[in-house]
């Protein structure tokens, strides 16, 4: 059996990697800082929105 690729999941994971990679090299976006840079905030917002959408879809499928 083959599994169909999930484009939303792929986008969600790509957004996560982009956020983590940026945060690793940005002193304003380190975990111990309270205010990320503008780029870091945008990357995190994109990741969070995709995560919310993906998890909502999973929850709806389980109903």
Protein backbone atom coordinates (compact mmCIF):
# COMPACT_ATOMS: atom_id res chain seq x y z
CA UNK A 1 0.00 0.00 0.00
CA UNK A 2 1.31 3.45 -0.88
CA UNK A 3 0.55 6.57 1.12
CA UNK A 4 -0.57 9.71 -0.64
CA UNK A 5 1.64 12.67 0.17
CA UNK A 6 -0.06 15.22 2.36
CA UNK A 7 0.67 18.68 0.98
CA UNK A 8 -0.62 20.46 4.10
CA UNK A 9 1.61 18.33 6.32
CA UNK A 10 4.59 19.00 4.05
CA UNK A 11 3.95 22.77 4.21
CA UNK A 12 3.53 22.59 7.98
CA UNK A 13 6.84 20.76 8.42
CA UNK A 14 8.66 23.07 6.00
CA UNK A 15 7.40 26.10 7.96
CA UNK A 16 8.61 24.47 11.18
CA UNK A 17 12.09 23.85 9.73
CA UNK A 18 12.32 27.40 8.37
CA UNK A 19 11.38 28.83 11.77
CA UNK A 20 13.85 26.63 13.67
CA UNK A 21 16.68 27.32 11.22
CA UNK A 22 16.09 31.06 11.44
CA UNK A 23 15.86 31.03 15.25
CA UNK A 24 19.12 29.09 15.51
CA UNK A 25 21.02 31.93 13.85
CA UNK A 26 19.13 34.97 15.12
CA UNK A 27 19.98 36.38 18.53
CA UNK A 28 16.60 38.14 18.79
CA UNK A 29 14.73 34.88 18.15
CA UNK A 30 16.49 32.68 20.68
CA UNK A 31 14.16 30.81 23.01
CA UNK A 32 15.23 32.92 26.00
CA UNK A 33 14.32 36.20 24.30
CA UNK A 34 10.87 37.75 24.59
CA UNK A 35 10.63 39.61 21.29
CA UNK A 36 11.55 37.86 18.05
CA UNK A 37 12.70 39.85 15.05
CA UNK A 38 10.18 40.73 12.34
CA UNK A 39 11.30 37.85 10.11
CA UNK A 40 11.21 35.38 12.98
CA UNK A 41 7.75 36.50 14.06
CA UNK A 42 6.45 36.04 10.51
CA UNK A 43 7.99 32.58 10.22
CA UNK A 44 6.50 31.55 13.55
CA UNK A 45 3.06 32.92 12.62
CA UNK A 46 3.11 30.97 9.34
CA UNK A 47 4.14 27.79 11.18
CA UNK A 48 1.46 28.26 13.86
CA UNK A 49 -1.30 28.87 11.30
CA UNK A 50 -0.35 25.76 9.31
CA UNK A 51 -0.10 23.69 12.50
CA UNK A 52 -3.57 24.85 13.60
CA UNK A 53 -5.03 24.01 10.19
CA UNK A 54 -3.38 20.58 10.09
CA UNK A 55 -4.44 19.64 13.64
CA UNK A 56 -8.00 20.85 13.02
CA UNK A 57 -8.19 18.66 9.94
CA UNK A 58 -6.94 15.64 11.89
CA UNK A 59 -9.50 16.26 14.63
CA UNK A 60 -12.29 16.54 12.06
CA UNK A 61 -11.24 13.25 10.45
CA UNK A 62 -11.49 11.46 13.80
CA UNK A 63 -15.07 12.54 14.44
